[in-house]
Amino acid sequence: MKNLSLIVHADIEQALADTLRGLEQVSGFTFTHVEGHGAQDERDPAVSARDLVVGYTPHVRVDILLKGEDVDEVLRALRAASGGLLGRGIYWITPVEKYGRL
């Protein structure tokens, strides 16, 4: 198993949720609202005047447990999806040693 983690701009949360729900490899996912702190580029279209004033950009972290063989296909689908996902976030993949239900 692998955990695919993404951090994307909060304004595409609904489009991302719709895309993930449409992928048969994804049985579920978790959204966590987070704040992106760091150097802001005024030319970034996702940075609003509000973000510049408060000093952070609202983001969503998404965690998705996947079979190892499904990771690349899910990433391809996310890159090809409509809804403004491309270029709006980052991801990383970590191995899952053990998981279960409590």
C-alpha atoms as a PDB file:
ATOM      1  CA  MET A   1       0.000   0.000   0.000  1.00  0.00           C
ATOM      2  CA  LYS A   2       1.003   3.581  -0.626  1.00  0.00           C
ATOM      3  CA  ASN A   3      -0.242   6.886   0.734  1.00  0.00           C
ATOM      4  CA  LEU A   4      -0.568   9.549  -1.939  1.00  0.00           C
ATOM      5  CA  SER A   5      -0.575  12.975  -0.286  1.00  0.00           C
ATOM      6  CA  LEU A   6      -1.415  16.147  -2.160  1.00  0.00           C
ATOM      7  CA  ILE A   7      -1.516  19.784  -1.150  1.00  0.00           C
ATOM      8  CA  VAL A   8      -3.620  21.892  -3.502  1.00  0.00           C
ATOM      9  CA  HIS A   9      -5.107  25.372  -3.519  1.00  0.00           C
ATOM     10  CA  ALA A  10      -8.385  25.390  -1.588  1.00  0.00           C
ATOM     11  CA  ASP A  11     -10.324  26.891  -4.497  1.00  0.00           C
ATOM     12  CA  ILE A  12     -10.138  23.608  -6.420  1.00  0.00           C
ATOM     13  CA  GLU A  13     -11.291  21.388  -3.539  1.00  0.00           C
ATOM     14  CA  GLN A  14     -14.671  20.558  -5.095  1.00  0.00           C
ATOM     15  CA  ALA A  15     -13.213  19.810  -8.540  1.00  0.00           C
ATOM     16  CA  LEU A  16     -10.623  17.529  -6.947  1.00  0.00           C
ATOM     17  CA  ALA A  17     -13.272  15.732  -4.879  1.00  0.00           C
ATOM     18  CA  ASP A  18     -15.367  15.164  -8.012  1.00  0.00           C
ATOM     19  CA  THR A  19     -12.351  13.783  -9.874  1.00  0.00           C
ATOM     20  CA  LEU A  20     -11.335  11.458  -7.040  1.00  0.00           C
ATOM     21  CA  ARG A  21     -14.882  10.125  -6.632  1.00  0.00           C
ATOM     22  CA  GLY A  22     -14.850   9.190 -10.313  1.00  0.00           C
ATOM     23  CA  LEU A  23     -11.699   7.036 -10.091  1.00  0.00           C
ATOM     24  CA  GLU A  24     -12.320   3.355  -9.450  1.00  0.00           C
ATOM     25  CA  GLN A  25      -8.876   2.959  -7.832  1.00  0.00           C
ATOM     26  CA  VAL A  26      -9.829   5.452  -5.095  1.00  0.00           C
ATOM     27  CA  SER A  27     -12.059   3.928  -2.427  1.00  0.00           C
ATOM     28  CA  GLY A  28     -11.896   7.012  -0.204  1.00  0.00           C
ATOM     29  CA  PHE A  29      -9.835  10.051   0.686  1.00  0.00           C
ATOM     30  CA  THR A  30      -9.383  12.582   3.464  1.00  0.00           C
ATOM     31  CA  PHE A  31      -9.324  16.376   3.136  1.00  0.00           C
ATOM     32  CA  THR A  32      -7.589  18.489   5.767  1.00  0.00           C
ATOM     33  CA  HIS A  33      -7.645  22.274   5.538  1.00  0.00           C
ATOM     34  CA  VAL A  34      -4.145  23.739   5.875  1.00  0.00           C
ATOM     35  CA  GLU A  35      -2.400  27.080   5.398  1.00  0.00           C
ATOM     36  CA  GLY A  36       0.435  27.566   2.930  1.00  0.00           C
ATOM     37  CA  HIS A  37       3.090  29.867   4.391  1.00  0.00           C
ATOM     38  CA  GLY A  38       6.154  31.014   2.495  1.00  0.00           C
ATOM     39  CA  ALA A  39       7.316  33.422  -0.139  1.00  0.00           C
ATOM     40  CA  GLN A  40       4.312  34.559  -2.164  1.00  0.00           C
ATOM     41  CA  ASP A  41       4.678  35.232  -5.867  1.00  0.00           C
ATOM     42  CA  GLU A  42       2.313  38.037  -6.865  1.00  0.00           C
ATOM     43  CA  ARG A  43       2.126  36.594 -10.387  1.00  0.00           C
ATOM     44  CA  ASP A  44       0.632  33.342  -9.074  1.00  0.00           C
ATOM     45  CA  PRO A  45      -3.049  33.481 -10.120  1.00  0.00           C
ATOM     46  CA  ALA A  46      -4.057  31.504  -7.022  1.00  0.00           C
ATOM     47  CA  VAL A  47      -2.720  34.199  -4.670  1.00  0.00           C
ATOM     48  CA  SER A  48      -5.489  36.688  -3.953  1.00  0.00           C
ATOM     49  CA  ALA A  49      -5.230  40.146  -2.441  1.00  0.00           C
ATOM     50  CA  ARG A  50      -6.587  38.598   0.777  1.00  0.00           C
ATOM     51  CA  ASP A  51      -3.770  36.026   0.773  1.00  0.00           C
ATOM     52  CA  LEU A  52      -1.181  38.774   0.403  1.00  0.00           C
ATOM     53  CA  VAL A  53      -2.671  40.713   3.321  1.00  0.00           C
ATOM     54  CA  VAL A  54      -3.010  37.808   5.763  1.00  0.00           C
ATOM     55  CA  GLY A  55       0.271  36.231   4.695  1.00  0.00           C
ATOM     56  CA  TYR A  56      -0.882  32.727   3.793  1.00  0.00           C
ATOM     57  CA  THR A  57      -2.826  30.873   1.135  1.00  0.00           C
ATOM     58  CA  PRO A  58      -5.637  28.457   2.031  1.00  0.00           C
ATOM     59  CA  HIS A  59      -4.816  24.924   0.886  1.00  0.00           C
ATOM     60  CA  VAL A  60      -6.256  21.455   1.241  1.00  0.00           C
ATOM     61  CA  ARG A  61      -4.195  18.396   2.071  1.00  0.00           C
ATOM     62  CA  VAL A  62      -5.524  15.195   0.578  1.00  0.00           C
ATOM     63  CA  ASP A  63      -4.477  11.732   1.731  1.00  0.00           C
ATOM     64  CA  ILE A  64      -5.385   8.711  -0.389  1.00  0.00           C
ATOM     65  CA  LEU A  65      -4.512   5.097   0.434  1.00  0.00           C
ATOM     66  CA  LEU A  66      -3.840   3.210  -2.788  1.00  0.00           C
ATOM     67  CA  LYS A  67      -2.492  -0.092  -3.971  1.00  0.00           C
ATOM     68  CA  GLY A  68       1.066   0.456  -5.151  1.00  0.00           C
ATOM     69  CA  GLU A  69       0.183  -0.455  -8.728  1.00  0.00           C
ATOM     70  CA  ASP A  70      -2.594   2.184  -8.831  1.00  0.00           C
ATOM     71  CA  VAL A  71      -0.511   5.236  -7.899  1.00  0.00           C
ATOM     72  CA  ASP A  72       0.758   6.099 -11.385  1.00  0.00           C
ATOM     73  CA  GLU A  73      -2.673   5.687 -12.956  1.00  0.00           C
ATOM     74  CA  VAL A  74      -4.279   7.964 -10.346  1.00  0.00           C
ATOM     75  CA  LEU A  75      -1.573  10.593 -10.904  1.00  0.00           C
ATOM     76  CA  ARG A  76      -2.152  10.421 -14.686  1.00  0.00           C
ATOM     77  CA  ALA A  77      -5.883  10.891 -14.164  1.00  0.00           C
ATOM     78  CA  LEU A  78      -5.312  13.888 -11.886  1.00  0.00           C
ATOM     79  CA  ARG A  79      -2.994  15.506 -14.432  1.00  0.00           C
ATOM     80  CA  ALA A  80      -5.547  14.953 -17.210  1.00  0.00           C
ATOM     81  CA  ALA A  81      -8.588  16.091 -15.195  1.00  0.00           C
ATOM     82  CA  SER A  82     -10.484  19.253 -15.948  1.00  0.00           C
ATOM     83  CA  GLY A  83     -11.345  21.680 -13.186  1.00  0.00           C
ATOM     84  CA  GLY A  84      -8.058  23.535 -12.866  1.00  0.00           C
ATOM     85  CA  LEU A  85      -6.022  20.861 -11.080  1.00  0.00           C
ATOM     86  CA  LEU A  86      -2.906  20.956 -13.267  1.00  0.00           C
ATOM     87  CA  GLY A  87      -0.177  23.128 -11.794  1.00  0.00           C
ATOM     88  CA  ARG A  88      -2.163  23.888  -8.627  1.00  0.00           C
ATOM     89  CA  GLY A  89      -0.489  21.658  -6.105  1.00  0.00           C
ATOM     90  CA  ILE A  90       2.240  19.262  -5.058  1.00  0.00           C
ATOM     91  CA  TYR A  91       2.258  15.589  -4.098  1.00  0.00           C
ATOM     92  CA  TRP A  92       4.388  12.964  -2.433  1.00  0.00           C
ATOM     93  CA  ILE A  93       4.100   9.218  -1.983  1.00  0.00           C
ATOM     94  CA  THR A  94       4.991   7.280   1.140  1.00  0.00           C
ATOM     95  CA  PRO A  95       4.922   3.548   1.814  1.00  0.00           C
ATOM     96  CA  VAL A  96       2.352   2.239   4.284  1.00  0.00           C
ATOM     97  CA  GLU A  97       3.812  -0.508   6.452  1.00  0.00           C
ATOM     98  CA  LYS A  98       0.579  -1.486   8.123  1.00  0.00           C
ATOM     99  CA  TYR A  99      -3.007  -0.348   8.186  1.00  0.00           C
ATOM    100  CA  GLY A 100      -6.311  -1.555   9.492  1.00  0.00           C
ATOM    101  CA  ARG A 101      -9.510  -0.569  11.197  1.00  0.00           C
ATOM    102  CA  LEU A 102      -9.967   0.052  14.896  1.00  0.00           C
END
